Amino acid sequence: MDLPRNTFKAALLEGRQQYGLWCSIADPAMAEMAAVCGYDWLLFDTEHSPISTVSVLSLLQAAAPYPSHAAVRPGSLDPVEIKRLLDLGAQTLLIPQIQSAEEARLAAAAVAYPPEGIRGVAGITRASRFGEIPDYTTRAREEICLMVQVETRAALEDLDAIVTTPGVDAVFIGPADLAASLGYPGQPSHPEVRRKCADAIRRIRGHGKPAGFLSLDRDVLEEMVEAGSLFTAIDIDTAILKRGAAATLAHWRAKG
């Protein structure tokens, strides 16, 4: 049995725009429905949602039959949590709150087996197809995509070093936390925040690395895509559900 190909990573290397959906609902049926919709990628978020490391398994299984690539955001830069997510079969991880090149190096080490990294070795895991991929430990890193999230003033100041850290495959700009760090909490679409985000995306692309972004503001999204965002999260599952529910109720309330 061969190592599964990471189609998302391949698309980024080819420079093809990848539109994604942020997923924070811990339900396999919702994950499968999202996968059916045809997004290029889904991001299962364990940092700001009820999704636990354990429940990620059922979400990955629900999305597996469909072309949408499943990525996961762990709760923090925790090598133990990262190891468990990789063993569950996640091939793309977005590590939040990376503040420096030193932290980026730890993230890179966490997704690679020794001697290059520190990932612990387990033989019978979903990632290795329960041991049926004989060369898994020597080839796994080829199909793992490590994305690091830059979302503070300090991280922006060290951005060039973070982007060029060996093992970092892509860099994501997080506008919500960045807005708070810059003194504009709750204002991710503030002009100054937008300027910083667009500049960061251009710098990332200038180093030859893919840049990513998330926003519910379509004008901001268009600006960031123009700046060079290559893996762009264009909505959130809970936001879609809330908008639809509110709009349906508003329609019928208006009828009296």
Protein backbone atom coordinates (compact mmCIF):
# COMPACT_ATOMS: atom_id res chain seq x y z
CA MET A 1 0.00 0.00 0.00
CA ASP A 2 1.41 3.37 -0.99
CA LEU A 3 1.59 6.57 1.05
CA PRO A 4 -1.52 8.73 0.43
CA ARG A 5 -0.76 11.80 -1.66
CA ASN A 6 -1.37 15.21 -0.10
CA THR A 7 -3.32 16.87 -2.90
CA PHE A 8 -3.53 20.15 -1.00
CA LYS A 9 0.25 20.42 -0.65
CA ALA A 10 0.69 19.49 -4.30
CA ALA A 11 -1.74 22.22 -5.37
CA LEU A 12 0.10 24.84 -3.30
CA LEU A 13 3.42 23.83 -4.82
CA GLU A 14 1.83 24.26 -8.25
CA GLY A 15 0.55 27.71 -7.29
CA ARG A 16 -3.14 26.85 -7.58
CA GLN A 17 -5.61 28.79 -5.42
CA GLN A 18 -7.25 26.59 -2.78
CA TYR A 19 -10.55 27.76 -1.29
CA GLY A 20 -11.34 26.35 2.13
CA LEU A 21 -14.00 26.14 4.82
CA TRP A 22 -13.23 26.59 8.51
CA CYS A 23 -14.98 23.85 10.51
CA SER A 24 -15.72 24.12 14.23
CA ILE A 25 -18.74 21.82 14.57
CA ALA A 26 -17.76 18.52 16.19
CA ASP A 27 -20.10 16.34 14.17
CA PRO A 28 -19.09 13.81 11.47
CA ALA A 29 -22.29 14.35 9.48
CA MET A 30 -21.53 18.08 9.25
CA ALA A 31 -17.96 17.30 8.22
CA GLU A 32 -19.20 14.97 5.49
CA MET A 33 -21.73 17.52 4.27
CA ALA A 34 -18.96 20.13 4.05
CA ALA A 35 -16.78 17.70 2.11
CA VAL A 36 -19.63 17.00 -0.32
CA CYS A 37 -19.85 20.73 -1.13
CA GLY A 38 -16.55 20.63 -2.99
CA TYR A 39 -14.28 22.97 -1.03
CA ASP A 40 -10.62 22.39 -1.86
CA TRP A 41 -9.85 22.03 1.84
CA LEU A 42 -11.54 21.83 5.21
CA LEU A 43 -9.89 22.99 8.42
CA PHE A 44 -10.97 21.15 11.56
CA ASP A 45 -10.23 23.59 14.36
CA THR A 46 -9.43 22.21 17.81
CA GLU A 47 -8.14 25.55 19.15
CA HIS A 48 -11.39 27.52 19.34
CA SER A 49 -14.13 24.88 19.21
CA PRO A 50 -15.53 21.81 21.01
CA ILE A 51 -13.57 19.56 18.63
CA SER A 52 -11.14 17.46 20.66
CA THR A 53 -8.08 15.59 19.49
CA VAL A 54 -10.02 12.34 19.87
CA SER A 55 -13.05 13.54 17.89
CA VAL A 56 -10.80 14.60 14.99
CA LEU A 57 -10.61 10.93 13.99
CA SER A 58 -14.31 10.68 13.13
CA LEU A 59 -14.15 13.97 11.22
CA LEU A 60 -11.19 12.78 9.15
CA GLN A 61 -13.01 9.52 8.43
CA ALA A 62 -16.17 11.39 7.40
CA ALA A 63 -14.30 13.57 4.92
CA ALA A 64 -11.99 10.85 3.59
CA PRO A 65 -14.18 9.57 0.69
CA TYR A 66 -14.37 13.03 -0.90
CA PRO A 67 -11.87 15.22 -2.78
CA SER A 68 -11.84 17.99 -0.12
CA HIS A 69 -8.54 17.82 1.75
CA ALA A 70 -8.85 17.68 5.55
CA ALA A 71 -6.46 19.86 7.54
CA VAL A 72 -6.37 20.20 11.34
CA ARG A 73 -5.43 23.02 13.69
CA PRO A 74 -4.16 21.72 17.05
CA GLY A 75 -4.84 23.71 20.17
CA SER A 76 -1.24 24.87 20.49
CA LEU A 77 2.36 24.18 19.58
CA ASP A 78 2.38 20.91 21.52
CA PRO A 79 4.56 18.13 20.04
CA VAL A 80 2.51 15.47 21.87
CA GLU A 81 -0.79 16.73 20.45
CA ILE A 82 0.79 17.13 17.01
CA LYS A 83 2.10 13.56 17.16
CA ARG A 84 -1.37 12.22 17.98
CA LEU A 85 -3.02 14.14 15.13
CA LEU A 86 -0.44 12.87 12.66
CA ASP A 87 -0.92 9.30 13.87
CA LEU A 88 -4.68 9.73 13.35
CA GLY A 89 -3.92 10.39 9.70
CA ALA A 90 -3.91 14.18 9.41
CA GLN A 91 -1.41 15.17 6.72
CA THR A 92 -1.83 18.95 6.94
CA LEU A 93 -1.53 20.85 10.21
CA LEU A 94 -1.92 24.55 10.96
CA ILE A 95 -0.01 25.40 14.13
CA PRO A 96 -1.42 28.50 15.88
CA GLN A 97 0.34 31.36 17.63
CA ILE A 98 3.83 30.90 16.20
CA GLN A 99 5.78 33.83 17.59
CA SER A 100 9.33 33.27 16.39
CA ALA A 101 11.68 31.27 14.20
CA GLU A 102 12.55 29.21 17.28
CA GLU A 103 8.91 28.13 17.64
CA ALA A 104 8.70 27.47 13.90
CA ARG A 105 11.70 25.16 14.23
CA LEU A 106 9.97 23.24 17.02
CA ALA A 107 6.86 22.88 14.86
CA ALA A 108 8.98 21.56 11.99
CA ALA A 109 10.68 19.08 14.31
CA ALA A 110 7.33 17.90 15.67
CA VAL A 111 6.09 16.74 12.24
CA ALA A 112 9.26 14.87 11.25
CA TYR A 113 10.67 11.58 12.48
CA PRO A 114 14.26 11.40 13.77
CA PRO A 115 16.95 12.15 12.86
CA GLU A 116 15.42 15.28 11.28
CA GLY A 117 12.75 15.73 13.95
CA ILE A 118 11.27 14.50 17.20
CA ARG A 119 8.03 12.79 16.17
CA GLY A 120 7.60 9.56 18.10
CA VAL A 121 7.38 6.33 16.11
CA ALA A 122 4.33 4.06 16.32
CA GLY A 123 3.77 1.17 13.94
CA ILE A 124 0.04 0.42 13.96
CA THR A 125 -1.64 3.76 13.25
CA ARG A 126 -4.25 5.06 10.83
CA ALA A 127 -1.53 7.24 9.28
CA SER A 128 0.48 4.17 8.23
CA ARG A 129 -2.70 2.33 7.21
CA PHE A 130 -2.20 0.25 10.33
CA GLY A 131 1.26 -0.82 9.29
CA GLU A 132 0.47 -1.59 5.65
CA ILE A 133 2.68 1.22 4.30
CA PRO A 134 6.08 -0.42 4.83
CA ASP A 135 8.18 2.70 4.24
CA TYR A 136 5.92 5.09 6.17
CA THR A 137 8.52 6.33 8.64
CA THR A 138 11.02 7.20 5.90
CA ARG A 139 8.49 8.83 3.54
CA ALA A 140 5.79 10.34 5.74
CA ARG A 141 7.26 13.85 5.77
CA GLU A 142 7.04 14.03 1.96
CA GLU A 143 3.24 14.25 2.16
CA ILE A 144 2.90 16.25 5.38
CA CYS A 145 2.16 19.94 4.96
CA LEU A 146 3.21 22.12 7.88
CA MET A 147 1.48 25.48 8.00
CA VAL A 148 2.34 27.94 10.77
CA GLN A 149 0.05 30.73 11.88
CA VAL A 150 1.38 34.27 12.29
CA GLU A 151 -1.04 36.39 14.29
CA THR A 152 0.79 38.82 16.58
CA ARG A 153 2.94 41.93 16.30
CA ALA A 154 5.94 39.96 17.58
CA ALA A 155 5.45 37.31 14.90
CA LEU A 156 5.27 39.95 12.17
CA GLU A 157 8.56 41.36 13.38
CA ASP A 158 10.17 37.92 12.97
CA LEU A 159 8.18 37.01 9.85
CA ASP A 160 11.08 36.64 7.42
CA ALA A 161 12.88 34.24 9.76
CA ILE A 162 9.68 32.25 10.37
CA VAL A 163 8.91 31.93 6.66
CA THR A 164 12.41 30.73 5.81
CA THR A 165 12.62 28.20 8.63
CA PRO A 166 13.45 24.78 7.11
CA GLY A 167 10.42 22.51 7.25
CA VAL A 168 7.81 25.28 7.15
CA ASP A 169 5.70 24.62 4.06
CA ALA A 170 3.25 27.53 4.25
CA VAL A 171 2.35 30.51 6.44
CA PHE A 172 -1.14 31.60 7.44
CA ILE A 173 -1.99 35.11 8.61
CA GLY A 174 -4.59 35.19 11.40
CA PRO A 175 -6.37 38.58 11.29
CA ALA A 176 -8.45 38.30 14.49
CA ASP A 177 -5.59 37.82 16.94
CA LEU A 178 -3.39 40.12 14.89
CA ALA A 179 -5.97 42.88 15.17
CA ALA A 180 -5.99 42.52 18.95
CA SER A 181 -2.19 42.47 19.08
CA LEU A 182 -2.04 45.66 17.01
CA GLY A 183 -4.48 47.44 19.34
CA TYR A 184 -7.70 46.88 17.37
CA PRO A 185 -9.47 44.04 19.21
CA GLY A 186 -12.61 42.88 17.46
CA GLN A 187 -11.71 44.84 14.31
CA PRO A 188 -10.01 42.38 11.93
CA SER A 189 -11.14 44.52 8.96
CA HIS A 190 -9.61 47.73 10.32
CA PRO A 191 -7.60 49.52 7.58
CA GLU A 192 -4.33 49.22 9.51
CA VAL A 193 -4.90 45.51 10.13
CA ARG A 194 -5.69 44.99 6.45
CA ARG A 195 -2.53 46.83 5.47
CA LYS A 196 -0.39 44.70 7.78
CA CYS A 197 -2.03 41.47 6.55
CA ALA A 198 -1.59 42.31 2.87
CA ASP A 199 2.02 43.32 3.44
CA ALA A 200 2.70 40.07 5.32
CA ILE A 201 1.17 38.01 2.53
CA ARG A 202 3.33 39.75 -0.05
CA ARG A 203 6.43 39.13 2.07
CA ILE A 204 5.57 35.44 2.44
CA ARG A 205 5.06 35.05 -1.30
CA GLY A 206 8.27 36.98 -1.89
CA HIS A 207 10.12 34.15 -0.14
CA GLY A 208 8.48 31.64 -2.45
CA LYS A 209 6.15 30.20 0.18
CA PRO A 210 2.34 29.86 0.00
CA ALA A 211 0.37 32.33 2.14
CA GLY A 212 -3.10 31.78 3.63
CA PHE A 213 -5.87 33.85 5.16
CA LEU A 214 -9.37 33.68 6.70
CA SER A 215 -12.06 36.34 6.80
CA LEU A 216 -15.84 36.64 6.67
CA ASP A 217 -15.46 40.04 5.01
CA ARG A 218 -15.54 39.45 1.24
CA ASP A 219 -13.90 42.77 0.44
CA VAL A 220 -10.99 41.86 2.72
CA LEU A 221 -10.76 38.39 1.20
CA GLU A 222 -10.58 39.82 -2.30
CA GLU A 223 -7.84 42.21 -1.19
CA MET A 224 -5.81 39.37 0.35
CA VAL A 225 -6.22 37.12 -2.69
CA GLU A 226 -4.98 40.03 -4.79
CA ALA A 227 -2.02 40.37 -2.41
CA GLY A 228 -1.22 36.69 -2.95
CA SER A 229 -3.21 34.52 -0.53
CA LEU A 230 -3.07 31.04 -2.04
CA PHE A 231 -5.01 28.97 0.49
CA THR A 232 -7.96 31.11 1.43
CA ALA A 233 -10.65 30.16 3.95
CA ILE A 234 -13.78 31.85 2.63
CA ASP A 235 -16.27 31.00 5.37
CA ILE A 236 -16.90 29.21 8.69
CA ASP A 237 -19.43 26.40 9.15
CA THR A 238 -21.03 27.99 12.23
CA ALA A 239 -21.27 31.37 10.49
CA ILE A 240 -23.04 29.80 7.50
CA LEU A 241 -25.47 28.03 9.81
CA LYS A 242 -26.16 31.18 11.82
CA ARG A 243 -26.71 33.32 8.72
CA GLY A 244 -29.10 30.79 7.23
CA ALA A 245 -31.06 30.32 10.45
CA ALA A 246 -31.35 34.07 11.07
CA ALA A 247 -32.36 34.81 7.48
CA THR A 248 -35.07 32.15 7.50
CA LEU A 249 -36.53 33.47 10.75
CA ALA A 250 -36.35 37.09 9.52
CA HIS A 251 -38.26 36.12 6.37
CA TRP A 252 -41.14 34.61 8.32
CA ARG A 253 -41.16 37.29 11.03
CA ALA A 254 -41.61 39.87 8.27
CA LYS A 255 -44.80 38.15 7.22
CA GLY A 256 -46.29 38.87 10.63
